[in-house]
Amino acid sequence: QVQLVESGGGSVQAGGSLRLSCAASAYSSDNFCMAWFRQAPGMEREGVARIYIPYNITYIDDSMKGRFTISRDNAKNTVYLRMNSLKPEDTATYYCAAGRACSQRADDFGTWGQGTQVTVSS
């Protein structure tokens, strides 16, 4: 049973940057895919980025392309989300998730972190 711990959230002004971290307790087929989702109050959970660990294949959702980057440090079992040019609409709780395949569906991920809050002010 993989455990995920997110960190790195906080408050930033529009145009600023943050780097989120997701540390996994172990590496197995249960977390071949690591993903970031976000959820703002009153909104549906939204996919942000995914990475297929064995081959380092990354996916960035359209609205975040050019601003967000997902990467990993395999030695630390850690995935990062670098967020640049942040906008107020990026304000949300960001969740790390792990699964066996890089699906776009949140329900396909079996393990979730506790979430880290990102607040972007104007």
N, C-alpha and C. Protein backbone atom coordinates (compact mmCIF):
# COMPACT_ATOMS: atom_id res chain seq x y z
N GLN A 1 0.84 -1.18 0.00
CA GLN A 1 0.00 0.00 0.00
C GLN A 1 0.89 1.24 0.00
N VAL A 2 0.89 1.94 -1.11
CA VAL A 2 1.72 3.12 -1.27
C VAL A 2 1.09 4.30 -0.53
N GLN A 3 1.93 5.06 0.14
CA GLN A 3 1.49 6.29 0.78
C GLN A 3 2.11 7.48 0.06
N LEU A 4 1.34 8.54 -0.11
CA LEU A 4 1.78 9.73 -0.81
C LEU A 4 1.67 10.93 0.12
N VAL A 5 2.69 11.77 0.11
CA VAL A 5 2.70 12.97 0.92
C VAL A 5 3.07 14.16 0.04
N GLU A 6 2.14 15.11 -0.07
CA GLU A 6 2.40 16.32 -0.85
C GLU A 6 2.95 17.43 0.04
N SER A 7 3.70 18.31 -0.58
CA SER A 7 4.19 19.50 0.10
C SER A 7 4.49 20.57 -0.94
N GLY A 8 4.73 21.77 -0.49
CA GLY A 8 5.15 22.85 -1.36
C GLY A 8 4.08 23.87 -1.69
N GLY A 9 2.86 23.65 -1.25
CA GLY A 9 1.81 24.62 -1.50
C GLY A 9 2.01 25.88 -0.69
N GLY A 10 1.24 26.90 -1.02
CA GLY A 10 1.33 28.16 -0.33
C GLY A 10 0.61 29.24 -1.08
N SER A 11 0.86 30.47 -0.69
CA SER A 11 0.25 31.64 -1.31
C SER A 11 1.28 32.37 -2.15
N VAL A 12 0.86 32.81 -3.33
CA VAL A 12 1.75 33.49 -4.24
C VAL A 12 0.95 34.50 -5.05
N GLN A 13 1.59 35.55 -5.48
CA GLN A 13 0.94 36.53 -6.34
C GLN A 13 0.88 36.04 -7.77
N ALA A 14 -0.10 36.54 -8.51
CA ALA A 14 -0.21 36.19 -9.92
C ALA A 14 1.11 36.44 -10.64
N GLY A 15 1.48 35.48 -11.48
CA GLY A 15 2.74 35.56 -12.18
C GLY A 15 3.88 34.86 -11.47
N GLY A 16 3.66 34.47 -10.23
CA GLY A 16 4.68 33.80 -9.46
C GLY A 16 4.76 32.32 -9.75
N SER A 17 5.63 31.64 -9.02
CA SER A 17 5.88 30.22 -9.23
C SER A 17 5.88 29.46 -7.92
N LEU A 18 5.55 28.18 -8.01
CA LEU A 18 5.64 27.26 -6.90
C LEU A 18 6.08 25.91 -7.44
N ARG A 19 6.72 25.12 -6.58
CA ARG A 19 7.02 23.74 -6.91
C ARG A 19 6.43 22.83 -5.86
N LEU A 20 5.53 21.96 -6.29
CA LEU A 20 4.93 20.99 -5.41
C LEU A 20 5.71 19.68 -5.47
N SER A 21 5.75 18.99 -4.35
CA SER A 21 6.43 17.71 -4.27
C SER A 21 5.46 16.64 -3.81
N CYS A 22 5.63 15.45 -4.32
CA CYS A 22 4.85 14.28 -3.89
C CYS A 22 5.82 13.15 -3.65
N ALA A 23 5.98 12.78 -2.40
CA ALA A 23 6.89 11.71 -2.02
C ALA A 23 6.10 10.42 -1.80
N ALA A 24 6.51 9.37 -2.49
CA ALA A 24 5.88 8.07 -2.35
C ALA A 24 6.69 7.19 -1.41
N SER A 25 6.00 6.37 -0.64
CA SER A 25 6.67 5.52 0.33
C SER A 25 7.42 4.36 -0.30
N ALA A 26 7.05 4.02 -1.53
CA ALA A 26 7.68 2.90 -2.23
C ALA A 26 7.40 3.04 -3.72
N TYR A 27 8.12 2.25 -4.49
CA TYR A 27 7.90 2.21 -5.93
C TYR A 27 7.47 0.81 -6.32
N SER A 28 6.32 0.71 -6.96
CA SER A 28 5.80 -0.57 -7.41
C SER A 28 4.89 -0.33 -8.60
N SER A 29 4.31 -1.40 -9.11
CA SER A 29 3.38 -1.26 -10.22
C SER A 29 2.14 -0.46 -9.83
N ASP A 30 1.89 -0.33 -8.55
CA ASP A 30 0.74 0.45 -8.09
C ASP A 30 0.92 1.94 -8.35
N ASN A 31 2.15 2.40 -8.53
CA ASN A 31 2.40 3.80 -8.81
C ASN A 31 3.33 3.98 -10.00
N PHE A 32 3.15 3.17 -11.02
CA PHE A 32 3.86 3.40 -12.27
C PHE A 32 3.48 4.73 -12.87
N CYS A 33 2.25 5.14 -12.66
CA CYS A 33 1.80 6.46 -13.07
C CYS A 33 1.56 7.32 -11.84
N MET A 34 2.13 8.49 -11.86
CA MET A 34 1.91 9.48 -10.83
C MET A 34 1.26 10.70 -11.48
N ALA A 35 0.32 11.28 -10.79
CA ALA A 35 -0.46 12.36 -11.38
C ALA A 35 -0.75 13.45 -10.37
N TRP A 36 -1.02 14.62 -10.90
CA TRP A 36 -1.50 15.74 -10.11
C TRP A 36 -2.90 16.10 -10.58
N PHE A 37 -3.80 16.25 -9.64
CA PHE A 37 -5.14 16.76 -9.87
C PHE A 37 -5.34 17.98 -8.98
N ARG A 38 -6.35 18.76 -9.29
CA ARG A 38 -6.67 19.89 -8.44
C ARG A 38 -8.18 20.05 -8.34
N GLN A 39 -8.61 20.65 -7.25
CA GLN A 39 -10.02 20.88 -7.04
C GLN A 39 -10.22 22.19 -6.31
N ALA A 40 -10.94 23.08 -6.95
CA ALA A 40 -11.31 24.35 -6.35
C ALA A 40 -12.68 24.22 -5.71
N PRO A 41 -12.99 25.06 -4.73
CA PRO A 41 -14.31 24.98 -4.09
C PRO A 41 -15.45 25.08 -5.10
N GLY A 42 -16.39 24.16 -5.00
CA GLY A 42 -17.53 24.15 -5.89
C GLY A 42 -17.25 23.65 -7.29
N MET A 43 -16.04 23.18 -7.55
CA MET A 43 -15.66 22.72 -8.88
C MET A 43 -15.37 21.23 -8.89
N GLU A 44 -15.41 20.64 -10.07
CA GLU A 44 -15.05 19.25 -10.23
C GLU A 44 -13.54 19.08 -10.13
N ARG A 45 -13.12 17.91 -9.71
CA ARG A 45 -11.71 17.58 -9.69
C ARG A 45 -11.17 17.57 -11.12
N GLU A 46 -10.04 18.22 -11.32
CA GLU A 46 -9.49 18.45 -12.65
C GLU A 46 -8.08 17.89 -12.76
N GLY A 47 -7.82 17.18 -13.85
CA GLY A 47 -6.48 16.69 -14.09
C GLY A 47 -5.53 17.82 -14.43
N VAL A 48 -4.31 17.74 -13.93
CA VAL A 48 -3.28 18.74 -14.16
C VAL A 48 -2.13 18.17 -14.99
N ALA A 49 -1.56 17.08 -14.51
CA ALA A 49 -0.40 16.50 -15.18
C ALA A 49 -0.24 15.06 -14.74
N ARG A 50 0.43 14.27 -15.57
CA ARG A 50 0.70 12.87 -15.28
C ARG A 50 2.10 12.52 -15.77
N ILE A 51 2.70 11.54 -15.11
CA ILE A 51 4.00 11.04 -15.56
C ILE A 51 4.02 9.52 -15.42
N TYR A 52 4.42 8.86 -16.49
CA TYR A 52 4.58 7.41 -16.48
C TYR A 52 6.02 7.12 -16.10
N ILE A 53 6.21 6.68 -14.88
CA ILE A 53 7.52 6.58 -14.27
C ILE A 53 8.50 5.69 -15.05
N PRO A 54 8.13 4.47 -15.45
CA PRO A 54 9.12 3.58 -16.07
C PRO A 54 9.81 4.16 -17.29
N TYR A 55 9.12 4.98 -18.06
CA TYR A 55 9.70 5.54 -19.27
C TYR A 55 9.75 7.06 -19.27
N ASN A 56 9.44 7.66 -18.14
CA ASN A 56 9.52 9.11 -17.98
C ASN A 56 8.72 9.85 -19.05
N ILE A 57 7.52 9.36 -19.30
CA ILE A 57 6.63 10.00 -20.26
C ILE A 57 5.70 10.93 -19.51
N THR A 58 5.61 12.16 -19.96
CA THR A 58 4.83 13.16 -19.26
C THR A 58 3.63 13.61 -20.08
N TYR A 59 2.60 14.02 -19.37
CA TYR A 59 1.37 14.53 -19.96
C TYR A 59 0.98 15.78 -19.17
N ILE A 60 0.73 16.85 -19.88
CA ILE A 60 0.27 18.09 -19.27
C ILE A 60 -1.08 18.44 -19.86
N ASP A 61 -2.06 18.70 -19.02
CA ASP A 61 -3.37 19.06 -19.52
C ASP A 61 -3.30 20.40 -20.25
N ASP A 62 -4.18 20.56 -21.22
CA ASP A 62 -4.07 21.66 -22.17
C ASP A 62 -3.97 23.03 -21.52
N SER A 63 -4.77 23.29 -20.52
CA SER A 63 -4.79 24.62 -19.93
C SER A 63 -3.51 24.95 -19.17
N MET A 64 -2.71 23.95 -18.86
CA MET A 64 -1.49 24.16 -18.12
C MET A 64 -0.23 24.06 -18.97
N LYS A 65 -0.38 23.68 -20.22
CA LYS A 65 0.79 23.56 -21.10
C LYS A 65 1.49 24.89 -21.26
N GLY A 66 2.81 24.84 -21.19
CA GLY A 66 3.61 26.04 -21.29
C GLY A 66 3.85 26.72 -19.96
N ARG A 67 3.11 26.34 -18.93
CA ARG A 67 3.28 26.93 -17.60
C ARG A 67 3.69 25.90 -16.55
N PHE A 68 3.15 24.69 -16.65
CA PHE A 68 3.41 23.65 -15.65
C PHE A 68 4.30 22.57 -16.23
N THR A 69 5.13 21.99 -15.39
CA THR A 69 6.00 20.91 -15.78
C THR A 69 5.99 19.84 -14.69
N ILE A 70 5.86 18.58 -15.09
CA ILE A 70 5.94 17.48 -14.15
C ILE A 70 7.26 16.75 -14.38
N SER A 71 7.88 16.35 -13.30
CA SER A 71 9.15 15.64 -13.38
C SER A 71 9.27 14.70 -12.19
N ARG A 72 10.31 13.87 -12.20
CA ARG A 72 10.48 12.92 -11.10
C ARG A 72 11.95 12.76 -10.74
N ASP A 73 12.17 12.36 -9.51
CA ASP A 73 13.47 11.96 -9.02
C ASP A 73 13.29 10.53 -8.52
N ASN A 74 13.68 9.57 -9.35
CA ASN A 74 13.43 8.17 -9.01
C ASN A 74 14.17 7.74 -7.74
N ALA A 75 15.34 8.30 -7.52
CA ALA A 75 16.10 7.92 -6.33
C ALA A 75 15.37 8.29 -5.05
N LYS A 76 14.54 9.32 -5.11
CA LYS A 76 13.79 9.77 -3.95
C LYS A 76 12.33 9.36 -3.97
N ASN A 77 11.92 8.61 -5.00
CA ASN A 77 10.51 8.25 -5.17
C ASN A 77 9.61 9.48 -5.08
N THR A 78 10.04 10.54 -5.72
CA THR A 78 9.36 11.82 -5.60
C THR A 78 9.02 12.37 -6.97
N VAL A 79 7.83 12.91 -7.09
CA VAL A 79 7.37 13.59 -8.30
C VAL A 79 7.14 15.05 -7.97
N TYR A 80 7.50 15.91 -8.91
CA TYR A 80 7.38 17.34 -8.72
C TYR A 80 6.43 17.94 -9.74
N LEU A 81 5.79 19.01 -9.34
CA LEU A 81 5.00 19.82 -10.26
C LEU A 81 5.50 21.25 -10.15
N ARG A 82 6.17 21.71 -11.19
CA ARG A 82 6.65 23.08 -11.24
C ARG A 82 5.59 23.93 -11.92
N MET A 83 5.14 24.95 -11.23
CA MET A 83 4.08 25.81 -11.72
C MET A 83 4.63 27.22 -11.89
N ASN A 84 4.64 27.69 -13.11
CA ASN A 84 5.08 29.05 -13.43
C ASN A 84 3.90 29.88 -13.91
N SER A 85 4.09 31.18 -13.91
CA SER A 85 3.08 32.11 -14.41
C SER A 85 1.70 31.81 -13.83
N LEU A 86 1.66 31.66 -12.53
CA LEU A 86 0.42 31.28 -11.87
C LEU A 86 -0.65 32.37 -12.00
N LYS A 87 -1.87 31.90 -12.12
CA LYS A 87 -3.03 32.77 -12.28
C LYS A 87 -3.99 32.54 -11.12
N PRO A 88 -4.84 33.53 -10.82
CA PRO A 88 -5.81 33.32 -9.74
C PRO A 88 -6.67 32.08 -9.95
N GLU A 89 -6.99 31.75 -11.18
CA GLU A 89 -7.80 30.57 -11.44
C GLU A 89 -7.07 29.26 -11.17
N ASP A 90 -5.77 29.31 -10.90
CA ASP A 90 -5.04 28.13 -10.48
C ASP A 90 -5.25 27.82 -9.00
N THR A 91 -5.89 28.70 -8.29
CA THR A 91 -6.15 28.49 -6.87
C THR A 91 -6.99 27.23 -6.67
N ALA A 92 -6.48 26.31 -5.87
CA ALA A 92 -7.15 25.04 -5.65
C ALA A 92 -6.36 24.24 -4.64
N THR A 93 -6.95 23.14 -4.20
CA THR A 93 -6.21 22.12 -3.48
C THR A 93 -5.63 21.16 -4.51
N TYR A 94 -4.34 20.94 -4.45
CA TYR A 94 -3.66 20.07 -5.40
C TYR A 94 -3.38 18.73 -4.75
N TYR A 95 -3.76 17.67 -5.45
CA TYR A 95 -3.63 16.31 -4.94
C TYR A 95 -2.70 15.50 -5.82
N CYS A 96 -1.85 14.75 -5.19
CA CYS A 96 -1.03 13.77 -5.88
C CYS A 96 -1.77 12.43 -5.87
N ALA A 97 -1.67 11.69 -6.97
CA ALA A 97 -2.33 10.41 -7.07
C ALA A 97 -1.41 9.40 -7.73
N ALA A 98 -1.62 8.13 -7.44
CA ALA A 98 -0.81 7.05 -7.99
C ALA A 98 -1.71 5.96 -8.54
N GLY A 99 -1.32 5.40 -9.67
CA GLY A 99 -2.06 4.32 -10.28
C GLY A 99 -1.17 3.47 -11.16
N ARG A 100 -1.76 2.47 -11.78
CA ARG A 100 -1.00 1.54 -12.61
C ARG A 100 -0.89 1.98 -14.06
N ALA A 101 -1.73 2.91 -14.46
CA ALA A 101 -1.70 3.42 -15.82
C ALA A 101 -2.05 4.89 -15.81
N CYS A 102 -1.61 5.61 -16.81
CA CYS A 102 -1.81 7.05 -16.85
C CYS A 102 -3.14 7.41 -17.50
N SER A 103 -4.17 7.11 -16.78
CA SER A 103 -5.52 7.45 -17.19
C SER A 103 -5.81 8.92 -16.92
N GLN A 104 -6.74 9.47 -17.66
CA GLN A 104 -7.22 10.82 -17.41
C GLN A 104 -8.32 10.86 -16.35
N ARG A 105 -8.78 9.69 -15.93
CA ARG A 105 -9.88 9.61 -14.99
C ARG A 105 -9.35 9.51 -13.56
N ALA A 106 -9.79 10.42 -12.71
CA ALA A 106 -9.36 10.41 -11.33
C ALA A 106 -9.74 9.12 -10.62
N ASP A 107 -10.89 8.54 -10.99
CA ASP A 107 -11.35 7.33 -10.33
C ASP A 107 -10.46 6.13 -10.60
N ASP A 108 -9.60 6.21 -11.60
CA ASP A 108 -8.71 5.10 -11.92
C ASP A 108 -7.46 5.07 -11.05
N PHE A 109 -7.25 6.10 -10.25
CA PHE A 109 -6.08 6.15 -9.37
C PHE A 109 -6.46 5.64 -7.99
N GLY A 110 -5.70 4.70 -7.50
CA GLY A 110 -6.05 4.02 -6.27
C GLY A 110 -5.52 4.64 -5.00
N THR A 111 -4.52 5.49 -5.12
CA THR A 111 -3.88 6.07 -3.94
C THR A 111 -3.80 7.57 -4.09
N TRP A 112 -4.13 8.28 -3.03
CA TRP A 112 -4.14 9.74 -3.05
C TRP A 112 -3.43 10.31 -1.84
N GLY A 113 -2.79 11.45 -2.05
CA GLY A 113 -2.22 12.20 -0.95
C GLY A 113 -3.28 13.04 -0.27
N GLN A 114 -2.85 13.75 0.76
CA GLN A 114 -3.79 14.53 1.56
C GLN A 114 -4.14 15.87 0.93
N GLY A 115 -3.38 16.30 -0.05
CA GLY A 115 -3.61 17.56 -0.72
C GLY A 115 -2.77 18.69 -0.14
N THR A 116 -2.43 19.64 -0.99
CA THR A 116 -1.72 20.83 -0.56
C THR A 116 -2.37 22.04 -1.21
N GLN A 117 -2.59 23.08 -0.44
CA GLN A 117 -3.34 24.24 -0.91
C GLN A 117 -2.44 25.20 -1.66
N VAL A 118 -2.92 25.64 -2.81
CA VAL A 118 -2.27 26.68 -3.60
C VAL A 118 -3.24 27.84 -3.75
N THR A 119 -2.81 29.02 -3.35
CA THR A 119 -3.62 30.21 -3.45
C THR A 119 -2.86 31.27 -4.23
N VAL A 120 -3.48 31.76 -5.30
CA VAL A 120 -2.86 32.76 -6.16
C VAL A 120 -3.70 34.02 -6.09
N SER A 121 -3.09 35.11 -5.70
CA SER A 121 -3.79 36.37 -5.55
C SER A 121 -3.46 37.30 -6.70
N SER A 122 -4.37 38.25 -6.95
CA SER A 122 -4.17 39.23 -8.01
C SER A 122 -3.26 40.36 -7.57
